[in-house]
């Protein structure tokens, strides 16, 4: 899949593939951060994707918005300039792991508050703080594993659980991202669903080099109110798949604590939460003889 950042690599020994394996706080140093911010192409692409995300958020009044991976504040500037007729302007708080990007945002005197933070460690705000959240070209970095002690699933779990808590009930988040492959796309969307979100993926210009993928999330709000289907109901060529866990029937899956079935189910639940679990074997859950 083509990425707009490809235009910035001409004349460098870096490629989009090498960027995928570079931590964002290291790749976006002072030079790359300024190059990204001053590129007219990047400004146009960022503006296009931000406006698309705002369309999916459907904010009809001035709101407090979390800008995840805010960079130098290109998306935040758009949030600040939405006209009252369109439901703005919006107040925003941006968080990013790159100190160089945030430094440029300060130099540009953006209106939002800024926080230096790694989203893979969670969202450090009080529950229900935000009306909505937006993220442009950021969450795919959570799938990086620069060392053996970094677990992408655990980072995704901490991020989406923290995001879910930070949004008011019925709040919505839109994350535009560039998955490396279908497996990564599925891993990201599944992590959001496991955190409790109603989730749907919308792809603009599918099958082309200009393809853009948006993960649209809703935090609670009831079975229909705030559901993803309300966002895309009037859009053509859009399929909705509700993969949220259905309520279980009481007593259907009762397992005795300590039994093999109970242990296997508990380990599976821990793995889904991003925990490191010891592999199972033929001895898992085996009852041992009483020693005399």
C-alpha atoms as a PDB file:
ATOM      1  CA  UNK A   1       0.000   0.000   0.000  1.00  0.00           C
ATOM      2  CA  UNK A   2       1.333   3.393  -0.922  1.00  0.00           C
ATOM      3  CA  UNK A   3       1.904   5.943   1.835  1.00  0.00           C
ATOM      4  CA  UNK A   4       2.183   9.710   1.412  1.00  0.00           C
ATOM      5  CA  UNK A   5       5.446   9.664   3.372  1.00  0.00           C
ATOM      6  CA  UNK A   6       7.105   7.952   0.380  1.00  0.00           C
ATOM      7  CA  UNK A   7       7.618  11.352  -1.247  1.00  0.00           C
ATOM      8  CA  UNK A   8       9.863  12.370   1.645  1.00  0.00           C
ATOM      9  CA  UNK A   9      12.371   9.547   1.216  1.00  0.00           C
ATOM     10  CA  UNK A  10      13.824  10.564  -2.152  1.00  0.00           C
ATOM     11  CA  UNK A  11      17.572  11.027  -1.843  1.00  0.00           C
ATOM     12  CA  UNK A  12      17.720   9.218   1.516  1.00  0.00           C
ATOM     13  CA  UNK A  13      18.822   5.731   2.471  1.00  0.00           C
ATOM     14  CA  UNK A  14      15.450   5.240   4.161  1.00  0.00           C
ATOM     15  CA  UNK A  15      12.467   3.455   2.661  1.00  0.00           C
ATOM     16  CA  UNK A  16       8.898   3.078   3.880  1.00  0.00           C
ATOM     17  CA  UNK A  17       9.775  -0.481   4.909  1.00  0.00           C
ATOM     18  CA  UNK A  18      12.690   0.716   7.049  1.00  0.00           C
ATOM     19  CA  UNK A  19      10.431   3.262   8.716  1.00  0.00           C
ATOM     20  CA  UNK A  20       8.061   0.449   9.748  1.00  0.00           C
ATOM     21  CA  UNK A  21      10.863  -1.014  11.864  1.00  0.00           C
ATOM     22  CA  UNK A  22      12.012   2.330  13.319  1.00  0.00           C
ATOM     23  CA  UNK A  23      10.423   3.654  16.521  1.00  0.00           C
ATOM     24  CA  UNK A  24       8.571   6.908  15.730  1.00  0.00           C
ATOM     25  CA  UNK A  25      10.365   8.831  18.477  1.00  0.00           C
ATOM     26  CA  UNK A  26      13.694   7.969  16.799  1.00  0.00           C
ATOM     27  CA  UNK A  27      12.663   8.345  13.169  1.00  0.00           C
ATOM     28  CA  UNK A  28      10.959  11.712  13.629  1.00  0.00           C
ATOM     29  CA  UNK A  29      13.993  13.673  14.796  1.00  0.00           C
ATOM     30  CA  UNK A  30      14.301  17.445  14.312  1.00  0.00           C
ATOM     31  CA  UNK A  31      15.154  17.119  10.611  1.00  0.00           C
ATOM     32  CA  UNK A  32      12.434  14.628   9.630  1.00  0.00           C
ATOM     33  CA  UNK A  33       9.812  16.373  11.765  1.00  0.00           C
ATOM     34  CA  UNK A  34      10.417  19.719  10.069  1.00  0.00           C
ATOM     35  CA  UNK A  35      10.506  18.084   6.648  1.00  0.00           C
ATOM     36  CA  UNK A  36       7.156  16.386   7.318  1.00  0.00           C
ATOM     37  CA  UNK A  37       5.530  19.577   8.578  1.00  0.00           C
ATOM     38  CA  UNK A  38       6.729  21.863   5.770  1.00  0.00           C
ATOM     39  CA  UNK A  39       5.887  19.470   2.912  1.00  0.00           C
ATOM     40  CA  UNK A  40       2.939  20.922   0.983  1.00  0.00           C
ATOM     41  CA  UNK A  41       1.936  17.424  -0.130  1.00  0.00           C
ATOM     42  CA  UNK A  42       1.854  16.169   3.460  1.00  0.00           C
ATOM     43  CA  UNK A  43      -0.189  19.181   4.533  1.00  0.00           C
ATOM     44  CA  UNK A  44      -2.762  18.487   1.800  1.00  0.00           C
ATOM     45  CA  UNK A  45      -2.958  14.756   2.560  1.00  0.00           C
ATOM     46  CA  UNK A  46      -3.223  15.395   6.318  1.00  0.00           C
ATOM     47  CA  UNK A  47      -5.970  17.954   5.743  1.00  0.00           C
ATOM     48  CA  UNK A  48      -7.922  15.576   3.503  1.00  0.00           C
ATOM     49  CA  UNK A  49      -7.755  12.698   5.999  1.00  0.00           C
ATOM     50  CA  UNK A  50      -8.569  14.919   8.990  1.00  0.00           C
ATOM     51  CA  UNK A  51     -11.667  16.332   7.308  1.00  0.00           C
ATOM     52  CA  UNK A  52     -12.759  12.803   6.369  1.00  0.00           C
ATOM     53  CA  UNK A  53     -12.317  11.698   9.985  1.00  0.00           C
ATOM     54  CA  UNK A  54     -14.366  14.682  11.196  1.00  0.00           C
ATOM     55  CA  UNK A  55     -17.111  13.722   8.762  1.00  0.00           C
ATOM     56  CA  UNK A  56     -17.216  10.248  10.354  1.00  0.00           C
ATOM     57  CA  UNK A  57     -17.166  11.683  13.885  1.00  0.00           C
ATOM     58  CA  UNK A  58     -20.371  13.649  13.166  1.00  0.00           C
ATOM     59  CA  UNK A  59     -19.756  16.296  15.851  1.00  0.00           C
ATOM     60  CA  UNK A  60     -22.677  18.707  15.810  1.00  0.00           C
ATOM     61  CA  UNK A  61     -21.434  21.006  18.587  1.00  0.00           C
ATOM     62  CA  UNK A  62     -18.151  22.281  20.006  1.00  0.00           C
ATOM     63  CA  UNK A  63     -16.418  19.304  21.648  1.00  0.00           C
ATOM     64  CA  UNK A  64     -13.298  18.307  23.549  1.00  0.00           C
ATOM     65  CA  UNK A  65     -11.281  16.088  21.187  1.00  0.00           C
ATOM     66  CA  UNK A  66      -8.200  13.954  21.853  1.00  0.00           C
ATOM     67  CA  UNK A  67      -5.717  14.052  18.944  1.00  0.00           C
ATOM     68  CA  UNK A  68      -3.757  10.781  19.150  1.00  0.00           C
ATOM     69  CA  UNK A  69      -0.330  11.017  17.515  1.00  0.00           C
ATOM     70  CA  UNK A  70      -0.854  14.737  16.968  1.00  0.00           C
ATOM     71  CA  UNK A  71       2.638  15.335  15.583  1.00  0.00           C
ATOM     72  CA  UNK A  72       3.243  19.006  14.838  1.00  0.00           C
ATOM     73  CA  UNK A  73      -0.438  19.899  15.142  1.00  0.00           C
ATOM     74  CA  UNK A  74      -1.549  19.779  11.498  1.00  0.00           C
ATOM     75  CA  UNK A  75      -4.824  18.030  12.360  1.00  0.00           C
ATOM     76  CA  UNK A  76      -5.304  20.120  15.492  1.00  0.00           C
ATOM     77  CA  UNK A  77      -5.224  23.321  13.462  1.00  0.00           C
ATOM     78  CA  UNK A  78      -8.207  22.068  11.457  1.00  0.00           C
ATOM     79  CA  UNK A  79     -10.108  21.218  14.664  1.00  0.00           C
ATOM     80  CA  UNK A  80      -9.531  24.770  15.904  1.00  0.00           C
ATOM     81  CA  UNK A  81     -10.819  26.389  12.715  1.00  0.00           C
ATOM     82  CA  UNK A  82     -14.105  24.503  12.200  1.00  0.00           C
ATOM     83  CA  UNK A  83     -16.852  27.122  11.828  1.00  0.00           C
ATOM     84  CA  UNK A  84     -19.778  27.326  14.304  1.00  0.00           C
ATOM     85  CA  UNK A  85     -22.128  26.452  11.442  1.00  0.00           C
ATOM     86  CA  UNK A  86     -20.350  23.090  11.180  1.00  0.00           C
ATOM     87  CA  UNK A  87     -20.364  22.435  14.939  1.00  0.00           C
ATOM     88  CA  UNK A  88     -16.988  23.963  15.795  1.00  0.00           C
ATOM     89  CA  UNK A  89     -14.560  25.171  16.781  1.00  0.00           C
ATOM     90  CA  UNK A  90     -13.339  22.220  18.842  1.00  0.00           C
ATOM     91  CA  UNK A  91     -11.026  22.263  21.835  1.00  0.00           C
ATOM     92  CA  UNK A  92      -8.306  19.640  21.554  1.00  0.00           C
ATOM     93  CA  UNK A  93      -5.491  17.983  23.452  1.00  0.00           C
ATOM     94  CA  UNK A  94      -2.724  16.304  21.468  1.00  0.00           C
ATOM     95  CA  UNK A  95      -0.398  13.510  22.521  1.00  0.00           C
ATOM     96  CA  UNK A  96       2.650  12.223  20.668  1.00  0.00           C
ATOM     97  CA  UNK A  97       5.778  10.199  21.425  1.00  0.00           C
ATOM     98  CA  UNK A  98       8.078  12.439  19.337  1.00  0.00           C
ATOM     99  CA  UNK A  99       9.534  15.350  21.289  1.00  0.00           C
ATOM    100  CA  UNK A 100      10.771  16.898  18.017  1.00  0.00           C
ATOM    101  CA  UNK A 101       7.253  16.915  16.547  1.00  0.00           C
ATOM    102  CA  UNK A 102       5.803  18.522  19.687  1.00  0.00           C
ATOM    103  CA  UNK A 103       8.583  21.112  19.707  1.00  0.00           C
ATOM    104  CA  UNK A 104       7.608  22.189  16.187  1.00  0.00           C
ATOM    105  CA  UNK A 105       3.967  22.337  17.287  1.00  0.00           C
ATOM    106  CA  UNK A 106       4.990  24.714  20.089  1.00  0.00           C
ATOM    107  CA  UNK A 107       6.961  26.837  17.635  1.00  0.00           C
ATOM    108  CA  UNK A 108       3.888  26.998  15.400  1.00  0.00           C
ATOM    109  CA  UNK A 109       1.869  28.217  18.409  1.00  0.00           C
ATOM    110  CA  UNK A 110      -0.994  25.739  17.968  1.00  0.00           C
ATOM    111  CA  UNK A 111      -4.066  26.278  20.138  1.00  0.00           C
ATOM    112  CA  UNK A 112      -4.278  22.775  21.643  1.00  0.00           C
ATOM    113  CA  UNK A 113      -2.549  21.504  24.777  1.00  0.00           C
ATOM    114  CA  UNK A 114       0.280  19.036  24.122  1.00  0.00           C
ATOM    115  CA  UNK A 115       1.441  15.918  25.962  1.00  0.00           C
ATOM    116  CA  UNK A 116       4.621  13.890  25.381  1.00  0.00           C
ATOM    117  CA  UNK A 117       3.440  10.304  25.835  1.00  0.00           C
ATOM    118  CA  UNK A 118       3.657   6.815  24.315  1.00  0.00           C
ATOM    119  CA  UNK A 119       0.123   5.684  23.422  1.00  0.00           C
ATOM    120  CA  UNK A 120       1.320   2.084  23.731  1.00  0.00           C
ATOM    121  CA  UNK A 121       1.490   2.658  27.488  1.00  0.00           C
ATOM    122  CA  UNK A 122      -2.153   3.753  27.656  1.00  0.00           C
ATOM    123  CA  UNK A 123      -4.158   6.987  27.659  1.00  0.00           C
ATOM    124  CA  UNK A 124      -3.356   8.936  30.869  1.00  0.00           C
ATOM    125  CA  UNK A 125      -6.623  10.850  31.313  1.00  0.00           C
ATOM    126  CA  UNK A 126      -9.585  10.571  33.638  1.00  0.00           C
ATOM    127  CA  UNK A 127     -12.480   8.335  32.558  1.00  0.00           C
ATOM    128  CA  UNK A 128     -15.009  10.111  30.367  1.00  0.00           C
ATOM    129  CA  UNK A 129     -12.756  13.119  29.727  1.00  0.00           C
ATOM    130  CA  UNK A 130     -13.306  13.410  25.968  1.00  0.00           C
ATOM    131  CA  UNK A 131     -16.289  13.745  23.664  1.00  0.00           C
ATOM    132  CA  UNK A 132     -14.367  12.272  20.736  1.00  0.00           C
ATOM    133  CA  UNK A 133     -10.912  11.220  19.543  1.00  0.00           C
ATOM    134  CA  UNK A 134      -9.108  11.418  16.232  1.00  0.00           C
ATOM    135  CA  UNK A 135      -5.897   9.797  14.995  1.00  0.00           C
ATOM    136  CA  UNK A 136      -4.205  10.227  11.623  1.00  0.00           C
ATOM    137  CA  UNK A 137      -1.494   7.771  10.507  1.00  0.00           C
ATOM    138  CA  UNK A 138      -0.426   6.814  14.024  1.00  0.00           C
ATOM    139  CA  UNK A 139      -1.822   3.595  15.469  1.00  0.00           C
ATOM    140  CA  UNK A 140       0.035   1.297  13.030  1.00  0.00           C
ATOM    141  CA  UNK A 141       3.197   2.168  15.015  1.00  0.00           C
ATOM    142  CA  UNK A 142       1.748   0.144  17.907  1.00  0.00           C
ATOM    143  CA  UNK A 143       2.402  -3.021  15.887  1.00  0.00           C
ATOM    144  CA  UNK A 144       6.163  -2.432  15.947  1.00  0.00           C
ATOM    145  CA  UNK A 145       8.294  -4.750  18.059  1.00  0.00           C
ATOM    146  CA  UNK A 146      11.748  -3.190  18.320  1.00  0.00           C
ATOM    147  CA  UNK A 147      12.882  -5.684  20.986  1.00  0.00           C
ATOM    148  CA  UNK A 148      11.888  -9.079  22.359  1.00  0.00           C
ATOM    149  CA  UNK A 149      10.202  -7.567  25.426  1.00  0.00           C
ATOM    150  CA  UNK A 150       7.812  -5.458  23.310  1.00  0.00           C
ATOM    151  CA  UNK A 151       4.492  -7.191  22.608  1.00  0.00           C
ATOM    152  CA  UNK A 152       2.315  -5.471  19.946  1.00  0.00           C
ATOM    153  CA  UNK A 153      -0.862  -7.114  21.265  1.00  0.00           C
ATOM    154  CA  UNK A 154      -0.150  -5.829  24.771  1.00  0.00           C
ATOM    155  CA  UNK A 155       0.507  -2.306  23.446  1.00  0.00           C
ATOM    156  CA  UNK A 156      -2.699  -2.368  21.409  1.00  0.00           C
ATOM    157  CA  UNK A 157      -4.633  -3.646  24.421  1.00  0.00           C
ATOM    158  CA  UNK A 158      -3.330  -0.882  26.709  1.00  0.00           C
ATOM    159  CA  UNK A 159      -4.060   1.758  24.082  1.00  0.00           C
ATOM    160  CA  UNK A 160      -7.635   0.742  23.248  1.00  0.00           C
ATOM    161  CA  UNK A 161      -8.581   0.027  26.874  1.00  0.00           C
ATOM    162  CA  UNK A 162      -7.276   3.451  27.857  1.00  0.00           C
ATOM    163  CA  UNK A 163      -9.022   5.119  24.930  1.00  0.00           C
ATOM    164  CA  UNK A 164     -12.323   3.428  25.762  1.00  0.00           C
ATOM    165  CA  UNK A 165     -12.116   4.651  29.360  1.00  0.00           C
ATOM    166  CA  UNK A 166     -11.192   8.217  28.378  1.00  0.00           C
ATOM    167  CA  UNK A 167     -14.243   8.662  26.119  1.00  0.00           C
ATOM    168  CA  UNK A 168     -17.672   9.533  27.460  1.00  0.00           C
ATOM    169  CA  UNK A 169     -20.309   6.849  26.890  1.00  0.00           C
ATOM    170  CA  UNK A 170     -21.595   7.216  23.370  1.00  0.00           C
ATOM    171  CA  UNK A 171     -18.384   8.997  22.345  1.00  0.00           C
ATOM    172  CA  UNK A 172     -16.760   8.179  19.045  1.00  0.00           C
ATOM    173  CA  UNK A 173     -13.186   7.815  17.789  1.00  0.00           C
ATOM    174  CA  UNK A 174     -11.895   7.681  14.216  1.00  0.00           C
ATOM    175  CA  UNK A 175      -8.394   6.328  13.558  1.00  0.00           C
ATOM    176  CA  UNK A 176      -6.924   6.501  10.052  1.00  0.00           C
ATOM    177  CA  UNK A 177      -4.055   4.035   9.747  1.00  0.00           C
ATOM    178  CA  UNK A 178      -1.839   2.169   7.272  1.00  0.00           C
ATOM    179  CA  UNK A 179      -1.755  -1.562   8.084  1.00  0.00           C
ATOM    180  CA  UNK A 180       1.227  -3.438   6.692  1.00  0.00           C
ATOM    181  CA  UNK A 181      -0.947  -6.404   5.756  1.00  0.00           C
ATOM    182  CA  UNK A 182      -4.353  -7.986   6.360  1.00  0.00           C
ATOM    183  CA  UNK A 183      -3.160  -9.726   9.542  1.00  0.00           C
ATOM    184  CA  UNK A 184      -2.106  -6.409  11.057  1.00  0.00           C
ATOM    185  CA  UNK A 185      -5.400  -4.809  10.049  1.00  0.00           C
ATOM    186  CA  UNK A 186      -7.309  -7.623  11.769  1.00  0.00           C
ATOM    187  CA  UNK A 187      -5.119  -7.496  14.883  1.00  0.00           C
ATOM    188  CA  UNK A 188      -5.799  -3.771  15.314  1.00  0.00           C
ATOM    189  CA  UNK A 189      -9.569  -4.001  14.809  1.00  0.00           C
ATOM    190  CA  UNK A 190      -9.848  -7.068  17.078  1.00  0.00           C
ATOM    191  CA  UNK A 191      -7.965  -5.264  19.849  1.00  0.00           C
ATOM    192  CA  UNK A 192     -10.499  -2.422  19.662  1.00  0.00           C
ATOM    193  CA  UNK A 193     -13.439  -4.839  19.850  1.00  0.00           C
ATOM    194  CA  UNK A 194     -11.933  -6.678  22.834  1.00  0.00           C
ATOM    195  CA  UNK A 195     -11.666  -3.340  24.647  1.00  0.00           C
ATOM    196  CA  UNK A 196     -15.439  -2.971  24.325  1.00  0.00           C
ATOM    197  CA  UNK A 197     -15.773  -0.724  21.278  1.00  0.00           C
ATOM    198  CA  UNK A 198     -18.356  -1.068  18.574  1.00  0.00           C
ATOM    199  CA  UNK A 199     -16.002  -1.075  15.577  1.00  0.00           C
ATOM    200  CA  UNK A 200     -16.182  -0.821  11.817  1.00  0.00           C
ATOM    201  CA  UNK A 201     -13.606  -0.295   9.078  1.00  0.00           C
ATOM    202  CA  UNK A 202     -14.251   2.083   6.190  1.00  0.00           C
ATOM    203  CA  UNK A 203     -11.874   2.063   3.204  1.00  0.00           C
ATOM    204  CA  UNK A 204     -11.748   4.915   0.707  1.00  0.00           C
ATOM    205  CA  UNK A 205     -10.519   4.160  -2.825  1.00  0.00           C
ATOM    206  CA  UNK A 206      -9.961   0.430  -2.136  1.00  0.00           C
ATOM    207  CA  UNK A 207      -7.517  -1.377  -4.396  1.00  0.00           C
ATOM    208  CA  UNK A 208      -5.693   1.814  -5.420  1.00  0.00           C
ATOM    209  CA  UNK A 209      -2.447   3.409  -4.298  1.00  0.00           C
ATOM    210  CA  UNK A 210      -4.518   6.172  -2.681  1.00  0.00           C
ATOM    211  CA  UNK A 211      -6.446   3.757  -0.452  1.00  0.00           C
ATOM    212  CA  UNK A 212      -7.171   5.122   3.033  1.00  0.00           C
ATOM    213  CA  UNK A 213      -8.445   2.983   5.918  1.00  0.00           C
ATOM    214  CA  UNK A 214     -10.477   4.418   8.792  1.00  0.00           C
ATOM    215  CA  UNK A 215     -11.297   2.525  11.982  1.00  0.00           C
ATOM    216  CA  UNK A 216     -14.547   3.999  13.345  1.00  0.00           C
ATOM    217  CA  UNK A 217     -15.188   3.271  17.033  1.00  0.00           C
ATOM    218  CA  UNK A 218     -18.084   3.916  19.416  1.00  0.00           C
ATOM    219  CA  UNK A 219     -17.856   3.653  23.197  1.00  0.00           C
ATOM    220  CA  UNK A 220     -21.043   2.207  24.644  1.00  0.00           C
ATOM    221  CA  UNK A 221     -24.300   4.125  24.331  1.00  0.00           C
ATOM    222  CA  UNK A 222     -26.663   1.154  23.991  1.00  0.00           C
ATOM    223  CA  UNK A 223     -27.384  -1.452  21.343  1.00  0.00           C
ATOM    224  CA  UNK A 224     -28.310   0.985  18.577  1.00  0.00           C
ATOM    225  CA  UNK A 225     -27.487   4.444  19.864  1.00  0.00           C
ATOM    226  CA  UNK A 226     -23.941   5.261  18.790  1.00  0.00           C
ATOM    227  CA  UNK A 227     -23.602   2.018  16.812  1.00  0.00           C
ATOM    228  CA  UNK A 228     -21.216   2.049  13.836  1.00  0.00           C
ATOM    229  CA  UNK A 229     -24.028   1.168  11.432  1.00  0.00           C
ATOM    230  CA  UNK A 230     -25.566   4.605  11.966  1.00  0.00           C
ATOM    231  CA  UNK A 231     -22.418   6.191  10.532  1.00  0.00           C
ATOM    232  CA  UNK A 232     -22.308   4.237   7.288  1.00  0.00           C
ATOM    233  CA  UNK A 233     -25.993   3.486   6.700  1.00  0.00           C
ATOM    234  CA  UNK A 234     -26.197   5.925   3.749  1.00  0.00           C
ATOM    235  CA  UNK A 235     -22.835   5.018   2.215  1.00  0.00           C
ATOM    236  CA  UNK A 236     -22.662   2.761  -0.807  1.00  0.00           C
ATOM    237  CA  UNK A 237     -20.446  -0.330  -1.056  1.00  0.00           C
ATOM    238  CA  UNK A 238     -19.952  -0.519   2.713  1.00  0.00           C
ATOM    239  CA  UNK A 239     -20.371  -3.757   4.652  1.00  0.00           C
ATOM    240  CA  UNK A 240     -20.899  -3.813   8.424  1.00  0.00           C
ATOM    241  CA  UNK A 241     -19.881  -6.777  10.543  1.00  0.00           C
ATOM    242  CA  UNK A 242     -20.734  -6.685  14.239  1.00  0.00           C
ATOM    243  CA  UNK A 243     -18.050  -8.785  15.917  1.00  0.00           C
ATOM    244  CA  UNK A 244     -18.774  -7.688  19.467  1.00  0.00           C
ATOM    245  CA  UNK A 245     -19.134 -10.461  21.996  1.00  0.00           C
ATOM    246  CA  UNK A 246     -22.761 -11.435  22.552  1.00  0.00           C
ATOM    247  CA  UNK A 247     -24.028 -11.790  26.157  1.00  0.00           C
ATOM    248  CA  UNK A 248     -23.649 -15.383  27.309  1.00  0.00           C
ATOM    249  CA  UNK A 249     -26.567 -17.405  28.631  1.00  0.00           C
ATOM    250  CA  UNK A 250     -26.359 -17.823  32.401  1.00  0.00           C
ATOM    251  CA  UNK A 251     -25.078 -21.241  33.383  1.00  0.00           C
ATOM    252  CA  UNK A 252     -24.247 -22.287  29.821  1.00  0.00           C
ATOM    253  CA  UNK A 253     -20.478 -22.192  30.192  1.00  0.00           C
ATOM    254  CA  UNK A 254     -20.117 -22.784  33.918  1.00  0.00           C
ATOM    255  CA  UNK A 255     -16.815 -24.492  34.591  1.00  0.00           C
ATOM    256  CA  UNK A 256     -15.498 -25.724  37.900  1.00  0.00           C
ATOM    257  CA  UNK A 257     -12.656 -23.539  39.139  1.00  0.00           C
ATOM    258  CA  UNK A 258      -9.385 -25.398  38.778  1.00  0.00           C
ATOM    259  CA  UNK A 259     -10.622 -27.761  36.077  1.00  0.00           C
ATOM    260  CA  UNK A 260      -8.720 -28.063  32.812  1.00  0.00           C
ATOM    261  CA  UNK A 261     -11.497 -26.285  30.916  1.00  0.00           C
ATOM    262  CA  UNK A 262     -11.487 -23.426  33.418  1.00  0.00           C
ATOM    263  CA  UNK A 263      -7.696 -23.096  33.212  1.00  0.00           C
ATOM    264  CA  UNK A 264      -7.698 -23.098  29.388  1.00  0.00           C
ATOM    265  CA  UNK A 265     -10.456 -20.490  29.256  1.00  0.00           C
ATOM    266  CA  UNK A 266      -8.645 -18.273  31.783  1.00  0.00           C
ATOM    267  CA  UNK A 267      -5.379 -18.487  29.827  1.00  0.00           C
ATOM    268  CA  UNK A 268      -7.200 -17.600  26.609  1.00  0.00           C
ATOM    269  CA  UNK A 269      -8.770 -14.557  28.272  1.00  0.00           C
ATOM    270  CA  UNK A 270      -5.378 -13.419  29.575  1.00  0.00           C
ATOM    271  CA  UNK A 271      -3.827 -13.766  26.097  1.00  0.00           C
ATOM    272  CA  UNK A 272      -6.602 -11.622  24.621  1.00  0.00           C
ATOM    273  CA  UNK A 273      -5.782  -8.927  27.179  1.00  0.00           C
ATOM    274  CA  UNK A 274      -2.163  -8.906  26.027  1.00  0.00           C
ATOM    275  CA  UNK A 275      -0.734 -10.864  28.957  1.00  0.00           C
ATOM    276  CA  UNK A 276       2.212 -13.225  28.542  1.00  0.00           C
ATOM    277  CA  UNK A 277       0.931 -16.757  29.247  1.00  0.00           C
ATOM    278  CA  UNK A 278       2.929 -19.975  29.577  1.00  0.00           C
ATOM    279  CA  UNK A 279       2.227 -22.488  26.792  1.00  0.00           C
ATOM    280  CA  UNK A 280      -0.196 -25.329  27.541  1.00  0.00           C
ATOM    281  CA  UNK A 281       0.868 -28.975  27.561  1.00  0.00           C
ATOM    282  CA  UNK A 282      -0.647 -32.400  28.211  1.00  0.00           C
ATOM    283  CA  UNK A 283      -0.049 -31.774  31.914  1.00  0.00           C
ATOM    284  CA  UNK A 284      -2.120 -28.558  32.013  1.00  0.00           C
ATOM    285  CA  UNK A 285      -4.962 -28.984  34.539  1.00  0.00           C
ATOM    286  CA  UNK A 286      -3.907 -32.530  35.451  1.00  0.00           C
ATOM    287  CA  UNK A 287      -4.997 -33.624  38.893  1.00  0.00           C
ATOM    288  CA  UNK A 288      -2.106 -34.829  41.030  1.00  0.00           C
ATOM    289  CA  UNK A 289      -2.236 -37.655  43.503  1.00  0.00           C
ATOM    290  CA  UNK A 290      -2.456 -36.774  47.143  1.00  0.00           C
ATOM    291  CA  UNK A 291       0.945 -37.205  48.792  1.00  0.00           C
ATOM    292  CA  UNK A 292       0.968 -39.128  52.104  1.00  0.00           C
END
